[in-house]
Amino acid sequence: MIQDPFIKVGMADLNVAIGTGILKTTGLGSCVGVTLYDPKTKVAGMAHVMLPSSEIAKEGNLNIAKYADTAIPELLKRMILLGAAQPRLVAKMAGGAQMFAFQSTSDTMRIGPRNVESCKVQLKILSIPVVAEDTGGNMGRTIEFNSGNGILILRTVQQGVKEL
C-alpha cells in the first residue's frame, strides 16, 4: 500500500506536519493559506483562513480555524507541541485574491485584501516574519507546503506552478 504524502487542509481548517508530510489546500480565492515552518525541527503548519476577525462570528461553537486572529495562534500552539520553537518560525502566505469586481469600494467587499492584512497583523504580534508571499490579484490558488524543506508550491490556472 502506498501512503499518500499529502495532509489535507480544508477550508476554514488547519493542520500540522513533521518531517516528510506535505500540507495541501485547494480553493484559495479570497481565503489565505498561511504556513509556518521551523527549519530546525522540520515542523510545519498550515491554516486556510476564510475571514479576518472572529469578532464577526455568529455561530455558537466558534471554528477557530476560520479566522486569522484565532487560526494563527492555534497553529502556533499545535506546532510548539510538536517541538517547534517560536523564535525560529518563518511564515509564507498565498491567496487573498479579490475574486469579483465590485462597483462599491466598501471595506466589506475587500475580503481577500482584509484577510491578508489581518494575517500579517497576527504574525507581527507573534514576531513571526513573512519570508515569502503570493497574495492579491484575482486568481484562485492551490498550495502545497513541504515539511521536509519548507518549500511552498503554488498552482494557478493563469501562472502554472511557482515555488516560494
Protein backbone atom coordinates (compact mmCIF):
# COMPACT_ATOMS: atom_id res chain seq x y z
CA MET A 1 0.00 0.00 0.00
CA ILE A 2 1.34 3.42 -0.98
CA GLN A 3 0.83 6.06 1.67
CA ASP A 4 -0.46 9.41 0.44
CA PRO A 5 2.15 12.04 1.37
CA PHE A 6 -0.50 14.77 1.37
CA ILE A 7 -2.16 16.02 4.53
CA LYS A 8 -5.37 17.79 3.53
CA VAL A 9 -6.22 21.17 4.96
CA GLY A 10 -9.83 22.03 4.16
CA MET A 11 -11.49 25.41 4.03
CA ALA A 12 -11.56 27.01 7.50
CA ASP A 13 -9.22 24.25 8.67
CA LEU A 14 -5.66 23.90 9.90
CA ASN A 15 -3.18 21.09 10.30
CA VAL A 16 0.45 20.36 11.18
CA ALA A 17 3.12 18.02 9.83
CA ILE A 18 6.58 16.96 10.85
CA GLY A 19 9.41 15.53 8.74
CA THR A 20 8.09 14.40 5.38
CA GLY A 21 4.46 15.48 5.30
CA ILE A 22 3.06 17.76 2.62
CA LEU A 23 0.24 20.03 3.74
CA LYS A 24 -2.14 20.84 0.89
CA THR A 25 -5.12 23.13 0.48
CA THR A 26 -7.17 23.97 -2.58
CA GLY A 27 -9.62 26.69 -3.45
CA LEU A 28 -7.76 29.72 -2.12
CA GLY A 29 -9.66 32.64 -3.60
CA SER A 30 -10.20 35.41 -1.07
CA CYS A 31 -9.06 32.94 1.61
CA VAL A 32 -5.42 32.98 2.71
CA GLY A 33 -3.20 29.96 3.15
CA VAL A 34 -0.78 30.76 5.98
CA THR A 35 2.16 28.44 6.54
CA LEU A 36 4.55 28.40 9.47
CA TYR A 37 7.84 26.50 9.49
CA ASP A 38 10.60 25.63 11.93
CA PRO A 39 13.62 24.68 9.78
CA LYS A 40 15.46 23.00 12.66
CA THR A 41 12.75 20.57 13.77
CA LYS A 42 11.02 20.40 10.33
CA VAL A 43 7.66 21.12 11.95
CA ALA A 44 5.25 22.78 9.53
CA GLY A 45 1.74 24.11 9.85
CA MET A 46 -0.91 25.44 7.51
CA ALA A 47 -4.14 27.32 8.10
CA HIS A 48 -6.81 28.01 5.46
CA VAL A 49 -8.12 31.34 6.76
CA MET A 50 -11.54 32.43 5.45
CA LEU A 51 -12.19 35.66 7.32
CA PRO A 52 -10.13 38.37 9.02
CA SER A 53 -11.65 38.51 12.51
CA SER A 54 -13.59 36.27 14.87
CA GLU A 55 -15.39 39.38 16.17
CA ILE A 56 -17.95 38.88 13.39
CA ALA A 57 -18.59 35.25 14.40
CA LYS A 58 -22.24 34.42 14.92
CA GLU A 59 -22.02 30.66 15.33
CA GLY A 60 -22.32 29.14 18.78
CA ASN A 61 -19.29 26.86 18.53
CA LEU A 62 -16.54 29.07 17.13
CA ASN A 63 -14.46 27.46 14.38
CA ILE A 64 -11.06 28.83 15.38
CA ALA A 65 -9.51 27.80 12.05
CA LYS A 66 -11.87 30.10 10.13
CA TYR A 67 -10.47 33.45 11.33
CA ALA A 68 -6.98 34.95 11.11
CA ASP A 69 -6.99 36.14 14.72
CA THR A 70 -7.77 32.68 16.10
CA ALA A 71 -6.27 30.29 13.50
CA ILE A 72 -2.69 31.57 13.57
CA PRO A 73 -2.28 31.43 17.39
CA GLU A 74 -3.84 27.92 17.39
CA LEU A 75 -1.48 26.79 14.62
CA LEU A 76 1.47 28.10 16.64
CA LYS A 77 0.27 26.24 19.74
CA ARG A 78 -0.03 22.93 17.87
CA MET A 79 3.42 23.34 16.30
CA ILE A 80 5.06 24.05 19.66
CA LEU A 81 3.52 20.80 20.96
CA LEU A 82 5.43 19.01 18.15
CA GLY A 83 8.73 20.64 19.11
CA ALA A 84 8.78 23.87 17.08
CA ALA A 85 10.32 26.95 18.68
CA GLN A 86 8.55 30.26 18.10
CA PRO A 87 11.78 32.31 17.61
CA ARG A 88 12.80 30.04 14.67
CA LEU A 89 9.46 30.18 12.85
CA VAL A 90 9.03 31.79 9.46
CA ALA A 91 5.79 32.34 7.56
CA LYS A 92 4.78 32.11 3.92
CA MET A 93 1.37 33.16 2.62
CA ALA A 94 -0.73 32.77 -0.52
CA GLY A 95 -4.23 33.76 -1.55
CA GLY A 96 -6.20 36.81 -0.54
CA ALA A 97 -7.44 37.46 -4.07
CA GLN A 98 -10.19 39.88 -4.98
CA MET A 99 -12.21 37.31 -6.89
CA PHE A 100 -15.04 39.58 -8.06
CA ALA A 101 -15.14 43.17 -9.27
CA PHE A 102 -17.48 45.37 -7.26
CA GLN A 103 -18.59 48.90 -8.04
CA SER A 104 -18.58 49.66 -4.33
CA THR A 105 -15.35 50.47 -2.53
CA SER A 106 -16.94 49.21 0.68
CA ASP A 107 -14.48 47.53 3.03
CA THR A 108 -16.83 44.56 3.45
CA MET A 109 -16.27 43.63 -0.21
CA ARG A 110 -12.48 43.62 0.19
CA ILE A 111 -12.38 40.25 1.94
CA GLY A 112 -9.19 38.99 0.23
CA PRO A 113 -7.07 42.08 0.99
CA ARG A 114 -8.51 42.27 4.53
CA ASN A 115 -7.62 38.60 5.10
CA VAL A 116 -4.02 39.26 4.03
CA GLU A 117 -3.76 42.35 6.27
CA SER A 118 -5.24 40.52 9.26
CA CYS A 119 -2.87 37.54 8.84
CA LYS A 120 0.12 39.90 8.69
CA VAL A 121 -1.05 41.67 11.86
CA GLN A 122 -1.30 38.35 13.72
CA LEU A 123 2.14 37.25 12.52
CA LYS A 124 3.63 40.59 13.58
CA ILE A 125 2.05 40.28 17.05
CA LEU A 126 3.68 36.82 17.34
CA SER A 127 7.04 38.11 15.96
CA ILE A 128 6.97 35.65 13.04
CA PRO A 129 8.48 37.14 9.87
CA VAL A 130 6.78 36.66 6.49
CA VAL A 131 9.62 35.48 4.24
CA ALA A 132 7.58 34.92 1.06
CA GLU A 133 4.09 35.60 -0.22
CA ASP A 134 1.95 35.39 -3.32
CA THR A 135 -1.17 37.33 -2.42
CA GLY A 136 -3.75 39.53 -4.08
CA GLY A 137 -4.67 39.56 -7.72
CA ASN A 138 -7.86 37.92 -8.93
CA MET A 139 -6.94 34.25 -9.34
CA GLY A 140 -7.55 31.14 -7.29
CA ARG A 141 -4.61 29.17 -5.91
CA THR A 142 -3.79 25.67 -4.68
CA ILE A 143 -0.80 25.34 -2.37
CA GLU A 144 1.37 22.50 -1.08
CA PHE A 145 3.80 23.04 1.80
CA ASN A 146 6.62 20.54 2.31
CA SER A 147 7.56 19.97 5.96
CA GLY A 148 10.87 18.41 4.93
CA ASN A 149 12.28 21.53 3.29
CA GLY A 150 9.86 24.42 3.90
CA ILE A 151 9.13 24.93 0.19
CA LEU A 152 5.71 26.25 -0.74
CA ILE A 153 4.45 25.21 -4.17
CA LEU A 154 1.67 27.34 -5.71
CA ARG A 155 -0.52 26.27 -8.59
CA THR A 156 -2.72 28.66 -10.57
CA VAL A 157 -4.53 28.31 -13.86
CA GLN A 158 -3.05 31.56 -15.19
CA GLN A 159 0.56 31.22 -13.98
CA GLY A 160 1.10 27.47 -13.67
CA VAL A 161 3.43 26.25 -10.92
CA LYS A 162 5.56 28.57 -8.79
CA GLU A 163 7.89 27.86 -5.86
CA LEU A 164 8.28 30.08 -2.78
